[in-house]
Amino acid sequence: MFHSERGLCPRSRILGGGSEGGRSPPPSVLVPARLVRGLLLAAALLLAVLLVWYYVMGTPQYSLYRLAAALHRHDAAAAERFVDVDRIAQAASEVIAGDYLGQEPRGAQVLGSLGLGNAQAAAARALRPLVAQRVRAEMTRMARDGGADRGPLALPTGLLASFWVLDVAREPPDAWVSYDERGRAQTRFRMTQQPDRSWRITEFDRDWVRRQLRQPVPR
């Protein structure tokens, strides 16, 4: 027996007379598909943002931004996390000792006569604690004054400014950072990446060290 379409109930006519062949699914079936596509797009955008932020957190500029922020908060301990005082003191001591012995050859002769080995290395070892003390005093003073722009290390303020102003030249595993200070000569220093992906200042260039020797000792 054949049934005409007229005899079907309204629901049967909407669903195609009970047959799904060649028929479009009802709108209620399409909504989840659109929702899934929207969720996938949102997840992709979120993943892209997280990847960019992960990259930013591993840059020297981000560590210098955190250093400047710590100084503005008057937090010398947090600031020192991004400054390797011992390595800075070691490199600066070698510059100071080399310059002094180059101008005073008799000093090298005296040190040599004492049986201390290499005169420049011996002088640098003697200077290192004093230089480290000077570096820590500078960090304390900058933290007390509440800003990195008021000391020998005039860092830009703000994350965007750190990427805009600072020139970073990568030399894996290190990087050299340089920038021009208004009314001052160029500042240039080496940074080394740490296991936690942060960066620490480990050395200042010779010209910067020589300029700081002419500055008064911070109180």
N, C-alpha and C. Protein backbone atom coordinates (compact mmCIF):
# COMPACT_ATOMS: atom_id res chain seq x y z
N MET A 1 0.86 -1.18 0.00
CA MET A 1 0.00 0.00 0.00
C MET A 1 0.89 1.22 0.00
N PHE A 2 0.54 2.20 -0.82
CA PHE A 2 1.31 3.43 -0.92
C PHE A 2 0.62 4.53 -0.15
N HIS A 3 1.42 5.33 0.48
CA HIS A 3 0.91 6.48 1.23
C HIS A 3 1.35 7.74 0.54
N SER A 4 0.44 8.62 0.37
CA SER A 4 0.81 9.91 -0.23
C SER A 4 1.45 10.79 0.83
N GLU A 5 2.25 11.76 0.34
CA GLU A 5 2.92 12.68 1.26
C GLU A 5 1.92 13.48 2.06
N ARG A 6 0.72 13.65 1.48
CA ARG A 6 -0.30 14.42 2.18
C ARG A 6 -0.70 13.73 3.46
N GLY A 7 -0.57 12.39 3.51
CA GLY A 7 -0.99 11.67 4.68
C GLY A 7 0.03 11.65 5.81
N LEU A 8 1.19 12.16 5.51
CA LEU A 8 2.21 12.16 6.56
C LEU A 8 1.96 13.28 7.54
N CYS A 9 2.44 13.08 8.75
CA CYS A 9 2.33 14.13 9.75
C CYS A 9 3.31 15.25 9.43
N PRO A 10 3.10 16.43 9.95
CA PRO A 10 4.00 17.57 9.64
C PRO A 10 5.45 17.25 9.96
N ARG A 11 5.75 16.55 11.05
CA ARG A 11 7.14 16.24 11.40
C ARG A 11 7.76 15.35 10.35
N SER A 12 6.97 14.38 9.81
CA SER A 12 7.48 13.48 8.78
C SER A 12 7.78 14.24 7.51
N ARG A 13 6.94 15.25 7.16
CA ARG A 13 7.21 16.04 5.95
C ARG A 13 8.47 16.87 6.12
N ILE A 14 8.71 17.42 7.33
CA ILE A 14 9.92 18.23 7.57
C ILE A 14 11.17 17.38 7.44
N LEU A 15 11.09 16.13 7.96
CA LEU A 15 12.25 15.25 7.92
C LEU A 15 12.33 14.48 6.61
N GLY A 16 11.54 14.83 5.66
CA GLY A 16 11.64 14.18 4.35
C GLY A 16 10.93 12.86 4.27
N GLY A 17 9.85 12.76 4.97
CA GLY A 17 9.06 11.54 4.87
C GLY A 17 9.74 10.35 5.49
N GLY A 18 10.62 10.60 6.47
CA GLY A 18 11.28 9.49 7.15
C GLY A 18 12.54 9.04 6.46
N SER A 19 12.87 9.57 5.31
CA SER A 19 14.09 9.17 4.59
C SER A 19 15.10 10.30 4.66
N GLU A 20 16.40 9.95 4.90
CA GLU A 20 17.45 10.95 5.00
C GLU A 20 18.26 11.07 3.72
N GLY A 21 18.00 10.20 2.78
CA GLY A 21 18.78 10.21 1.56
C GLY A 21 18.54 11.45 0.74
N GLY A 22 19.64 12.19 0.40
CA GLY A 22 19.54 13.37 -0.44
C GLY A 22 18.92 14.56 0.24
N ARG A 23 18.72 14.51 1.53
CA ARG A 23 18.09 15.59 2.26
C ARG A 23 19.13 16.33 3.09
N SER A 24 18.99 17.64 3.29
CA SER A 24 19.88 18.44 4.16
C SER A 24 19.50 18.22 5.60
N PRO A 25 20.47 18.16 6.50
CA PRO A 25 20.15 17.99 7.92
C PRO A 25 19.46 19.22 8.44
N PRO A 26 18.70 19.08 9.46
CA PRO A 26 17.97 20.22 10.02
C PRO A 26 18.94 21.24 10.60
N PRO A 27 18.49 22.49 10.76
CA PRO A 27 19.37 23.55 11.30
C PRO A 27 19.96 23.21 12.64
N SER A 28 19.23 22.45 13.46
CA SER A 28 19.73 22.12 14.80
C SER A 28 21.02 21.30 14.74
N VAL A 29 21.26 20.58 13.62
CA VAL A 29 22.47 19.80 13.47
C VAL A 29 23.64 20.67 13.06
N LEU A 30 23.40 21.82 12.38
CA LEU A 30 24.47 22.69 11.90
C LEU A 30 25.05 23.56 13.00
N VAL A 31 24.32 23.88 14.03
CA VAL A 31 24.79 24.78 15.09
C VAL A 31 26.04 24.26 15.77
N PRO A 32 26.13 23.02 16.20
CA PRO A 32 27.36 22.54 16.83
C PRO A 32 28.58 22.65 15.93
N ALA A 33 28.45 22.44 14.64
CA ALA A 33 29.58 22.53 13.73
C ALA A 33 30.12 23.95 13.69
N ARG A 34 29.24 24.95 13.62
CA ARG A 34 29.69 26.35 13.65
C ARG A 34 30.35 26.67 14.98
N LEU A 35 29.80 26.13 16.06
CA LEU A 35 30.38 26.37 17.38
C LEU A 35 31.77 25.78 17.49
N VAL A 36 31.96 24.59 16.94
CA VAL A 36 33.27 23.94 16.98
C VAL A 36 34.29 24.75 16.19
N ARG A 37 33.89 25.24 15.02
CA ARG A 37 34.82 26.06 14.23
C ARG A 37 35.21 27.32 14.99
N GLY A 38 34.24 27.94 15.67
CA GLY A 38 34.56 29.13 16.45
C GLY A 38 35.50 28.84 17.60
N LEU A 39 35.28 27.71 18.27
CA LEU A 39 36.16 27.33 19.37
C LEU A 39 37.57 27.03 18.88
N LEU A 40 37.68 26.37 17.73
CA LEU A 40 38.99 26.08 17.17
C LEU A 40 39.74 27.36 16.80
N LEU A 41 39.02 28.32 16.25
CA LEU A 41 39.65 29.59 15.90
C LEU A 41 40.11 30.33 17.15
N ALA A 42 39.28 30.35 18.18
CA ALA A 42 39.66 31.00 19.44
C ALA A 42 40.86 30.32 20.06
N ALA A 43 40.90 28.99 20.01
CA ALA A 43 42.04 28.24 20.57
C ALA A 43 43.32 28.54 19.79
N ALA A 44 43.20 28.66 18.46
CA ALA A 44 44.38 28.98 17.64
C ALA A 44 44.92 30.37 17.96
N LEU A 45 44.02 31.32 18.14
CA LEU A 45 44.45 32.68 18.49
C LEU A 45 45.11 32.72 19.86
N LEU A 46 44.51 32.00 20.82
CA LEU A 46 45.09 31.95 22.16
C LEU A 46 46.47 31.31 22.13
N LEU A 47 46.62 30.25 21.36
CA LEU A 47 47.92 29.59 21.24
C LEU A 47 48.96 30.53 20.64
N ALA A 48 48.55 31.30 19.63
CA ALA A 48 49.47 32.25 19.01
C ALA A 48 49.92 33.31 20.01
N VAL A 49 48.97 33.82 20.81
CA VAL A 49 49.32 34.82 21.83
C VAL A 49 50.29 34.24 22.85
N LEU A 50 50.03 33.01 23.29
CA LEU A 50 50.90 32.37 24.28
C LEU A 50 52.30 32.14 23.72
N LEU A 51 52.39 31.76 22.45
CA LEU A 51 53.70 31.55 21.84
C LEU A 51 54.48 32.86 21.74
N VAL A 52 53.78 33.94 21.37
CA VAL A 52 54.45 35.25 21.29
C VAL A 52 54.94 35.68 22.67
N TRP A 53 54.08 35.52 23.68
CA TRP A 53 54.46 35.91 25.04
C TRP A 53 55.62 35.05 25.55
N TYR A 54 55.61 33.77 25.22
CA TYR A 54 56.72 32.89 25.61
C TYR A 54 58.02 33.37 25.00
N TYR A 55 57.97 33.80 23.74
CA TYR A 55 59.17 34.32 23.09
C TYR A 55 59.63 35.61 23.75
N VAL A 56 58.69 36.51 24.04
CA VAL A 56 59.04 37.80 24.64
C VAL A 56 59.72 37.60 26.00
N MET A 57 59.21 36.66 26.80
CA MET A 57 59.76 36.43 28.12
C MET A 57 61.20 35.91 28.08
N GLY A 58 61.62 35.38 26.95
CA GLY A 58 62.98 34.86 26.82
C GLY A 58 63.93 35.81 26.11
N THR A 59 63.58 37.09 26.02
CA THR A 59 64.43 38.07 25.34
C THR A 59 65.20 38.91 26.37
N PRO A 60 66.37 39.43 25.99
CA PRO A 60 67.09 40.35 26.87
C PRO A 60 66.27 41.60 27.21
N GLN A 61 65.47 42.07 26.25
CA GLN A 61 64.67 43.27 26.51
C GLN A 61 63.69 43.07 27.65
N TYR A 62 63.10 41.88 27.73
CA TYR A 62 62.13 41.64 28.79
C TYR A 62 62.82 41.61 30.15
N SER A 63 64.01 41.01 30.23
CA SER A 63 64.75 40.99 31.50
C SER A 63 65.15 42.41 31.91
N LEU A 64 65.55 43.24 30.96
CA LEU A 64 65.91 44.62 31.29
C LEU A 64 64.68 45.43 31.70
N TYR A 65 63.54 45.12 31.11
CA TYR A 65 62.29 45.75 31.55
C TYR A 65 62.00 45.39 33.01
N ARG A 66 62.21 44.12 33.37
CA ARG A 66 61.98 43.70 34.75
C ARG A 66 63.00 44.32 35.69
N LEU A 67 64.23 44.48 35.22
CA LEU A 67 65.25 45.14 36.02
C LEU A 67 64.86 46.59 36.32
N ALA A 68 64.44 47.31 35.29
CA ALA A 68 64.01 48.71 35.49
C ALA A 68 62.80 48.79 36.40
N ALA A 69 61.85 47.83 36.24
CA ALA A 69 60.66 47.84 37.09
C ALA A 69 61.03 47.59 38.54
N ALA A 70 61.98 46.70 38.80
CA ALA A 70 62.41 46.43 40.17
C ALA A 70 63.05 47.67 40.80
N LEU A 71 63.84 48.39 40.03
CA LEU A 71 64.46 49.62 40.55
C LEU A 71 63.40 50.67 40.86
N HIS A 72 62.39 50.78 40.02
CA HIS A 72 61.31 51.74 40.28
C HIS A 72 60.51 51.36 41.52
N ARG A 73 60.50 50.07 41.86
CA ARG A 73 59.81 49.62 43.08
C ARG A 73 60.72 49.71 44.31
N HIS A 74 61.94 50.21 44.13
CA HIS A 74 62.93 50.31 45.21
C HIS A 74 63.33 48.93 45.72
N ASP A 75 63.32 47.93 44.84
CA ASP A 75 63.62 46.55 45.23
C ASP A 75 64.99 46.17 44.68
N ALA A 76 66.03 46.44 45.47
CA ALA A 76 67.40 46.17 45.01
C ALA A 76 67.65 44.67 44.86
N ALA A 77 67.06 43.86 45.75
CA ALA A 77 67.27 42.41 45.69
C ALA A 77 66.71 41.83 44.39
N ALA A 78 65.50 42.27 44.01
CA ALA A 78 64.91 41.79 42.76
C ALA A 78 65.71 42.27 41.56
N ALA A 79 66.21 43.49 41.63
CA ALA A 79 67.00 44.03 40.52
C ALA A 79 68.29 43.25 40.32
N GLU A 80 68.89 42.83 41.42
CA GLU A 80 70.18 42.13 41.33
C GLU A 80 70.03 40.75 40.70
N ARG A 81 68.82 40.24 40.60
CA ARG A 81 68.61 38.98 39.89
C ARG A 81 68.99 39.08 38.43
N PHE A 82 69.02 40.28 37.89
CA PHE A 82 69.34 40.48 36.48
C PHE A 82 70.73 41.10 36.29
N VAL A 83 71.52 41.12 37.34
CA VAL A 83 72.87 41.69 37.29
C VAL A 83 73.82 40.71 37.97
N ASP A 84 74.77 40.18 37.23
CA ASP A 84 75.77 39.27 37.80
C ASP A 84 76.94 40.12 38.29
N VAL A 85 76.87 40.51 39.55
CA VAL A 85 77.85 41.44 40.12
C VAL A 85 79.26 40.88 40.04
N ASP A 86 79.44 39.60 40.33
CA ASP A 86 80.78 39.02 40.36
C ASP A 86 81.42 39.01 38.97
N ARG A 87 80.66 38.66 37.96
CA ARG A 87 81.23 38.63 36.61
C ARG A 87 81.49 40.05 36.09
N ILE A 88 80.62 40.99 36.43
CA ILE A 88 80.86 42.38 36.06
C ILE A 88 82.13 42.89 36.72
N ALA A 89 82.29 42.57 38.01
CA ALA A 89 83.47 43.01 38.73
C ALA A 89 84.74 42.39 38.16
N GLN A 90 84.67 41.13 37.77
CA GLN A 90 85.83 40.46 37.20
C GLN A 90 86.26 41.13 35.89
N ALA A 91 85.31 41.36 34.99
CA ALA A 91 85.64 41.97 33.70
C ALA A 91 86.13 43.40 33.88
N ALA A 92 85.47 44.17 34.75
CA ALA A 92 85.88 45.56 34.97
C ALA A 92 87.25 45.63 35.63
N SER A 93 87.54 44.72 36.54
CA SER A 93 88.84 44.71 37.21
C SER A 93 89.97 44.47 36.22
N GLU A 94 89.73 43.61 35.25
CA GLU A 94 90.76 43.35 34.24
C GLU A 94 91.02 44.60 33.40
N VAL A 95 89.95 45.36 33.09
CA VAL A 95 90.13 46.60 32.33
C VAL A 95 90.93 47.61 33.15
N ILE A 96 90.54 47.78 34.41
CA ILE A 96 91.20 48.78 35.28
C ILE A 96 92.66 48.41 35.49
N ALA A 97 92.93 47.14 35.78
CA ALA A 97 94.30 46.70 36.02
C ALA A 97 95.15 46.86 34.76
N GLY A 98 94.58 46.49 33.61
CA GLY A 98 95.32 46.61 32.37
C GLY A 98 95.67 48.05 32.04
N ASP A 99 94.70 48.96 32.23
CA ASP A 99 94.96 50.38 31.96
C ASP A 99 96.02 50.94 32.92
N TYR A 100 95.92 50.59 34.18
CA TYR A 100 96.87 51.13 35.15
C TYR A 100 98.29 50.64 34.88
N LEU A 101 98.44 49.35 34.67
CA LEU A 101 99.77 48.80 34.44
C LEU A 101 100.34 49.26 33.10
N GLY A 102 99.45 49.57 32.15
CA GLY A 102 99.93 50.10 30.88
C GLY A 102 100.51 51.50 31.03
N GLN A 103 99.97 52.26 31.97
CA GLN A 103 100.46 53.61 32.22
C GLN A 103 101.58 53.63 33.26
N GLU A 104 101.65 52.61 34.10
CA GLU A 104 102.65 52.53 35.17
C GLU A 104 103.40 51.21 35.06
N PRO A 105 104.37 51.12 34.16
CA PRO A 105 105.10 49.86 33.99
C PRO A 105 105.83 49.43 35.26
N ARG A 106 106.20 50.38 36.08
CA ARG A 106 106.91 50.02 37.31
C ARG A 106 106.02 49.22 38.25
N GLY A 107 104.72 49.48 38.20
CA GLY A 107 103.80 48.69 39.01
C GLY A 107 103.84 47.22 38.63
N ALA A 108 103.92 46.95 37.34
CA ALA A 108 104.00 45.56 36.88
C ALA A 108 105.30 44.91 37.36
N GLN A 109 106.38 45.70 37.37
CA GLN A 109 107.65 45.17 37.83
C GLN A 109 107.60 44.82 39.32
N VAL A 110 106.95 45.69 40.10
CA VAL A 110 106.83 45.43 41.53
C VAL A 110 106.03 44.16 41.79
N LEU A 111 104.91 44.04 41.11
CA LEU A 111 104.09 42.84 41.30
C LEU A 111 104.82 41.59 40.85
N GLY A 112 105.58 41.73 39.77
CA GLY A 112 106.35 40.58 39.30
C GLY A 112 107.43 40.17 40.28
N SER A 113 108.03 41.15 40.93
CA SER A 113 109.09 40.85 41.90
C SER A 113 108.56 40.15 43.14
N LEU A 114 107.26 40.30 43.39
CA LEU A 114 106.66 39.65 44.56
C LEU A 114 106.31 38.19 44.30
N GLY A 115 106.55 37.74 43.07
CA GLY A 115 106.28 36.35 42.75
C GLY A 115 104.79 36.02 42.67
N LEU A 116 103.99 37.00 42.22
CA LEU A 116 102.54 36.79 42.15
C LEU A 116 102.08 36.30 40.78
N GLY A 117 103.03 35.96 39.92
CA GLY A 117 102.66 35.50 38.59
C GLY A 117 102.35 36.65 37.67
N ASN A 118 101.34 36.47 36.82
CA ASN A 118 100.95 37.51 35.88
C ASN A 118 100.52 38.77 36.64
N ALA A 119 101.20 39.89 36.34
CA ALA A 119 100.95 41.12 37.10
C ALA A 119 99.52 41.61 36.91
N GLN A 120 99.02 41.59 35.69
CA GLN A 120 97.66 42.09 35.45
C GLN A 120 96.63 41.21 36.13
N ALA A 121 96.80 39.90 36.08
CA ALA A 121 95.85 38.99 36.74
C ALA A 121 95.88 39.20 38.25
N ALA A 122 97.08 39.42 38.80
CA ALA A 122 97.19 39.62 40.25
C ALA A 122 96.51 40.92 40.66
N ALA A 123 96.73 41.97 39.86
CA ALA A 123 96.09 43.25 40.17
C ALA A 123 94.57 43.16 40.05
N ALA A 124 94.11 42.43 39.04
CA ALA A 124 92.67 42.28 38.85
C ALA A 124 92.04 41.53 40.02
N ARG A 125 92.72 40.50 40.53
CA ARG A 125 92.20 39.75 41.68
C ARG A 125 92.10 40.65 42.91
N ALA A 126 93.08 41.53 43.08
CA ALA A 126 93.05 42.43 44.23
C ALA A 126 91.94 43.47 44.11
N LEU A 127 91.65 43.89 42.88
CA LEU A 127 90.64 44.92 42.67
C LEU A 127 89.22 44.38 42.70
N ARG A 128 89.05 43.11 42.40
CA ARG A 128 87.71 42.55 42.20
C ARG A 128 86.75 42.80 43.37
N PRO A 129 87.14 42.57 44.62
CA PRO A 129 86.20 42.85 45.72
C PRO A 129 85.79 44.32 45.80
N LEU A 130 86.72 45.21 45.52
CA LEU A 130 86.40 46.64 45.57
C LEU A 130 85.43 47.03 44.46
N VAL A 131 85.65 46.48 43.28
CA VAL A 131 84.76 46.78 42.16
C VAL A 131 83.37 46.20 42.42
N ALA A 132 83.31 44.98 42.96
CA ALA A 132 82.01 44.38 43.27
C ALA A 132 81.27 45.23 44.29
N GLN A 133 81.99 45.76 45.26
CA GLN A 133 81.37 46.63 46.24
C GLN A 133 80.82 47.89 45.60
N ARG A 134 81.56 48.43 44.64
CA ARG A 134 81.10 49.63 43.93
C ARG A 134 79.84 49.34 43.11
N VAL A 135 79.80 48.20 42.45
CA VAL A 135 78.62 47.84 41.64
C VAL A 135 77.39 47.68 42.54
N ARG A 136 77.55 47.00 43.65
CA ARG A 136 76.41 46.82 44.57
C ARG A 136 75.95 48.16 45.15
N ALA A 137 76.91 49.05 45.42
CA ALA A 137 76.54 50.38 45.92
C ALA A 137 75.73 51.15 44.89
N GLU A 138 76.10 51.01 43.61
CA GLU A 138 75.34 51.67 42.54
C GLU A 138 73.93 51.10 42.45
N MET A 139 73.81 49.78 42.55
CA MET A 139 72.48 49.16 42.49
C MET A 139 71.62 49.63 43.65
N THR A 140 72.21 49.69 44.84
CA THR A 140 71.46 50.14 46.02
C THR A 140 71.01 51.59 45.86
N ARG A 141 71.90 52.42 45.34
CA ARG A 141 71.54 53.84 45.17
C ARG A 141 70.43 54.02 44.14
N MET A 142 70.52 53.28 43.02
CA MET A 142 69.48 53.40 42.00
C MET A 142 68.14 52.92 42.53
N ALA A 143 68.15 51.82 43.31
CA ALA A 143 66.90 51.33 43.90
C ALA A 143 66.36 52.34 44.91
N ARG A 144 67.24 52.95 45.67
CA ARG A 144 66.80 53.94 46.65
C ARG A 144 66.17 55.15 45.96
N ASP A 145 66.77 55.57 44.85
CA ASP A 145 66.25 56.72 44.11
C ASP A 145 65.00 56.37 43.30
N GLY A 146 64.76 55.07 43.12
CA GLY A 146 63.53 54.65 42.45
C GLY A 146 63.53 54.75 40.96
N GLY A 147 64.67 54.54 40.34
CA GLY A 147 64.66 54.57 38.89
C GLY A 147 66.01 54.24 38.30
N ALA A 148 65.98 53.46 37.18
CA ALA A 148 67.22 53.14 36.49
C ALA A 148 67.69 54.30 35.64
N ASP A 149 66.84 55.31 35.43
CA ASP A 149 67.23 56.43 34.59
C ASP A 149 68.02 57.48 35.36
N ARG A 150 68.29 57.23 36.63
CA ARG A 150 68.99 58.21 37.45
C ARG A 150 70.40 57.75 37.83
N GLY A 151 70.86 56.69 37.26
CA GLY A 151 72.18 56.18 37.59
C GLY A 151 73.02 55.95 36.36
N PRO A 152 74.09 55.19 36.50
CA PRO A 152 74.96 54.93 35.36
C PRO A 152 74.34 54.04 34.31
N LEU A 153 73.24 53.36 34.66
CA LEU A 153 72.55 52.47 33.73
C LEU A 153 71.16 53.03 33.48
N ALA A 154 71.05 53.94 32.52
CA ALA A 154 69.78 54.64 32.28
C ALA A 154 68.91 53.83 31.33
N LEU A 155 68.21 52.85 31.88
CA LEU A 155 67.37 51.97 31.07
C LEU A 155 66.05 52.64 30.71
N PRO A 156 65.51 52.30 29.53
CA PRO A 156 64.18 52.83 29.18
C PRO A 156 63.11 52.25 30.08
N THR A 157 62.03 52.99 30.25
CA THR A 157 60.92 52.56 31.09
C THR A 157 59.80 52.01 30.23
N GLY A 158 59.31 50.84 30.56
CA GLY A 158 58.21 50.24 29.82
C GLY A 158 58.69 49.14 28.89
N LEU A 159 57.83 48.14 28.69
CA LEU A 159 58.19 46.99 27.86
C LEU A 159 58.36 47.39 26.40
N LEU A 160 57.43 48.18 25.86
CA LEU A 160 57.52 48.59 24.46
C LEU A 160 58.77 49.43 24.23
N ALA A 161 59.07 50.33 25.18
CA ALA A 161 60.27 51.16 25.04
C ALA A 161 61.53 50.30 25.04
N SER A 162 61.53 49.21 25.80
CA SER A 162 62.70 48.34 25.84
C SER A 162 62.98 47.73 24.47
N PHE A 163 61.92 47.35 23.75
CA PHE A 163 62.12 46.79 22.41
C PHE A 163 62.41 47.88 21.39
N TRP A 164 61.92 49.09 21.63
CA TRP A 164 62.08 50.17 20.67
C TRP A 164 63.46 50.81 20.76
N VAL A 165 63.96 50.98 21.98
CA VAL A 165 65.19 51.75 22.21
C VAL A 165 66.44 50.87 22.18
N LEU A 166 66.36 49.69 22.75
CA LEU A 166 67.54 48.85 22.93
C LEU A 166 67.91 48.12 21.64
N ASP A 167 69.18 48.14 21.32
CA ASP A 167 69.70 47.42 20.15
C ASP A 167 70.38 46.15 20.66
N VAL A 168 69.88 45.00 20.25
CA VAL A 168 70.37 43.71 20.75
C VAL A 168 71.04 42.95 19.61
N ALA A 169 72.31 42.59 19.83
CA ALA A 169 73.05 41.78 18.86
C ALA A 169 73.34 40.43 19.51
N ARG A 170 72.72 39.39 18.98
CA ARG A 170 72.88 38.06 19.58
C ARG A 170 74.23 37.45 19.20
N GLU A 171 74.91 36.92 20.20
CA GLU A 171 76.13 36.14 20.03
C GLU A 171 76.00 34.92 20.94
N PRO A 172 75.18 33.93 20.54
CA PRO A 172 74.86 32.80 21.42
C PRO A 172 76.09 32.22 22.10
N PRO A 173 76.00 31.95 23.41
CA PRO A 173 74.80 32.06 24.26
C PRO A 173 74.62 33.45 24.87
N ASP A 174 75.36 34.44 24.40
CA ASP A 174 75.28 35.78 24.96
C ASP A 174 74.61 36.73 23.99
N ALA A 175 74.47 37.97 24.43
CA ALA A 175 73.94 39.04 23.58
C ALA A 175 74.55 40.35 24.05
N TRP A 176 74.88 41.22 23.09
CA TRP A 176 75.37 42.55 23.41
C TRP A 176 74.23 43.54 23.24
N VAL A 177 73.99 44.34 24.27
CA VAL A 177 72.92 45.32 24.26
C VAL A 177 73.55 46.72 24.25
N SER A 178 73.05 47.59 23.41
CA SER A 178 73.57 48.95 23.35
C SER A 178 72.42 49.93 23.11
N TYR A 179 72.61 51.14 23.58
CA TYR A 179 71.65 52.21 23.34
C TYR A 179 72.33 53.54 23.60
N ASP A 180 71.81 54.55 22.98
CA ASP A 180 72.36 55.90 23.13
C ASP A 180 71.56 56.66 24.17
N GLU A 181 72.25 57.14 25.18
CA GLU A 181 71.60 57.93 26.21
C GLU A 181 71.62 59.40 25.83
N ARG A 182 70.53 60.08 26.10
CA ARG A 182 70.45 61.50 25.79
C ARG A 182 71.45 62.27 26.64
N GLY A 183 72.34 62.99 25.97
CA GLY A 183 73.34 63.78 26.67
C GLY A 183 74.51 62.97 27.17
N ARG A 184 74.56 61.67 26.85
CA ARG A 184 75.65 60.82 27.29
C ARG A 184 76.17 60.02 26.11
N ALA A 185 77.29 59.34 26.37
CA ALA A 185 77.83 58.45 25.34
C ALA A 185 77.02 57.15 25.30
N GLN A 186 77.35 56.30 24.36
CA GLN A 186 76.63 55.05 24.21
C GLN A 186 76.93 54.11 25.37
N THR A 187 75.90 53.41 25.81
CA THR A 187 76.05 52.37 26.83
C THR A 187 75.97 51.02 26.14
N ARG A 188 76.92 50.15 26.48
CA ARG A 188 76.98 48.84 25.84
C ARG A 188 77.40 47.80 26.88
N PHE A 189 76.67 46.69 26.92
CA PHE A 189 77.00 45.65 27.89
C PHE A 189 76.60 44.28 27.36
N ARG A 190 77.21 43.27 27.95
CA ARG A 190 76.94 41.88 27.58
C ARG A 190 75.92 41.29 28.54
N MET A 191 75.03 40.45 28.00
CA MET A 191 74.08 39.70 28.82
C MET A 191 74.20 38.22 28.49
N THR A 192 73.97 37.39 29.50
CA THR A 192 74.03 35.94 29.34
C THR A 192 72.71 35.34 29.78
N GLN A 193 72.18 34.42 28.98
CA GLN A 193 70.90 33.80 29.32
C GLN A 193 71.09 32.73 30.38
N GLN A 194 70.14 32.67 31.29
CA GLN A 194 70.16 31.73 32.41
C GLN A 194 69.27 30.52 32.10
N PRO A 195 69.41 29.44 32.89
CA PRO A 195 68.58 28.25 32.64
C PRO A 195 67.08 28.52 32.66
N ASP A 196 66.63 29.54 33.42
CA ASP A 196 65.20 29.83 33.47
C ASP A 196 64.77 30.78 32.34
N ARG A 197 65.66 31.01 31.34
CA ARG A 197 65.41 31.81 30.15
C ARG A 197 65.51 33.32 30.42
N SER A 198 65.75 33.73 31.66
CA SER A 198 65.99 35.15 31.93
C SER A 198 67.43 35.49 31.53
N TRP A 199 67.73 36.79 31.50
CA TRP A 199 69.06 37.25 31.11
C TRP A 199 69.65 38.09 32.22
N ARG A 200 71.00 38.02 32.38
CA ARG A 200 71.70 38.81 33.39
C ARG A 200 72.83 39.59 32.71
N ILE A 201 73.02 40.82 33.16
CA ILE A 201 74.16 41.61 32.70
C ILE A 201 75.43 41.01 33.31
N THR A 202 76.41 40.72 32.46
CA THR A 202 77.63 40.06 32.94
C THR A 202 78.89 40.86 32.65
N GLU A 203 78.79 41.88 31.81
CA GLU A 203 80.01 42.62 31.47
C GLU A 203 79.63 43.94 30.80
N PHE A 204 80.35 45.01 31.17
CA PHE A 204 80.21 46.28 30.47
C PHE A 204 81.44 46.50 29.59
N ASP A 205 81.25 47.21 28.50
CA ASP A 205 82.39 47.42 27.61
C ASP A 205 83.41 48.36 28.26
N ARG A 206 84.62 48.37 27.71
CA ARG A 206 85.74 49.07 28.31
C ARG A 206 85.48 50.57 28.45
N ASP A 207 84.89 51.17 27.43
CA ASP A 207 84.66 52.62 27.49
C ASP A 207 83.71 52.98 28.62
N TRP A 208 82.68 52.16 28.83
CA TRP A 208 81.74 52.42 29.92
C TRP A 208 82.44 52.33 31.27
N VAL A 209 83.30 51.31 31.44
CA VAL A 209 84.03 51.14 32.70
C VAL A 209 84.92 52.35 32.96
N ARG A 210 85.60 52.81 31.93
CA ARG A 210 86.49 53.96 32.10
C ARG A 210 85.71 55.21 32.45
N ARG A 211 84.53 55.38 31.89
CA ARG A 211 83.72 56.56 32.23
C ARG A 211 83.28 56.51 33.68
N GLN A 212 82.93 55.32 34.17
CA GLN A 212 82.46 55.20 35.54
C GLN A 212 83.57 55.47 36.55
N LEU A 213 84.81 55.23 36.19
CA LEU A 213 85.92 55.50 37.09
C LEU A 213 86.05 56.99 37.37
N ARG A 214 85.57 57.80 36.46
CA ARG A 214 85.66 59.26 36.64
C ARG A 214 84.49 59.80 37.44
N GLN A 215 83.51 58.93 37.76
CA GLN A 215 82.35 59.38 38.51
C GLN A 215 82.59 59.25 40.01
N PRO A 216 81.95 60.10 40.83
CA PRO A 216 82.12 59.97 42.28
C PRO A 216 81.52 58.67 42.81
N VAL A 217 82.07 58.19 43.89
CA VAL A 217 81.58 56.97 44.52
C VAL A 217 80.21 57.23 45.11
N PRO A 218 79.20 56.37 44.82
CA PRO A 218 77.85 56.60 45.37
C PRO A 218 77.83 56.47 46.88
N ARG A 219 76.96 57.28 47.51
CA ARG A 219 76.83 57.26 48.96
C ARG A 219 75.46 56.71 49.36
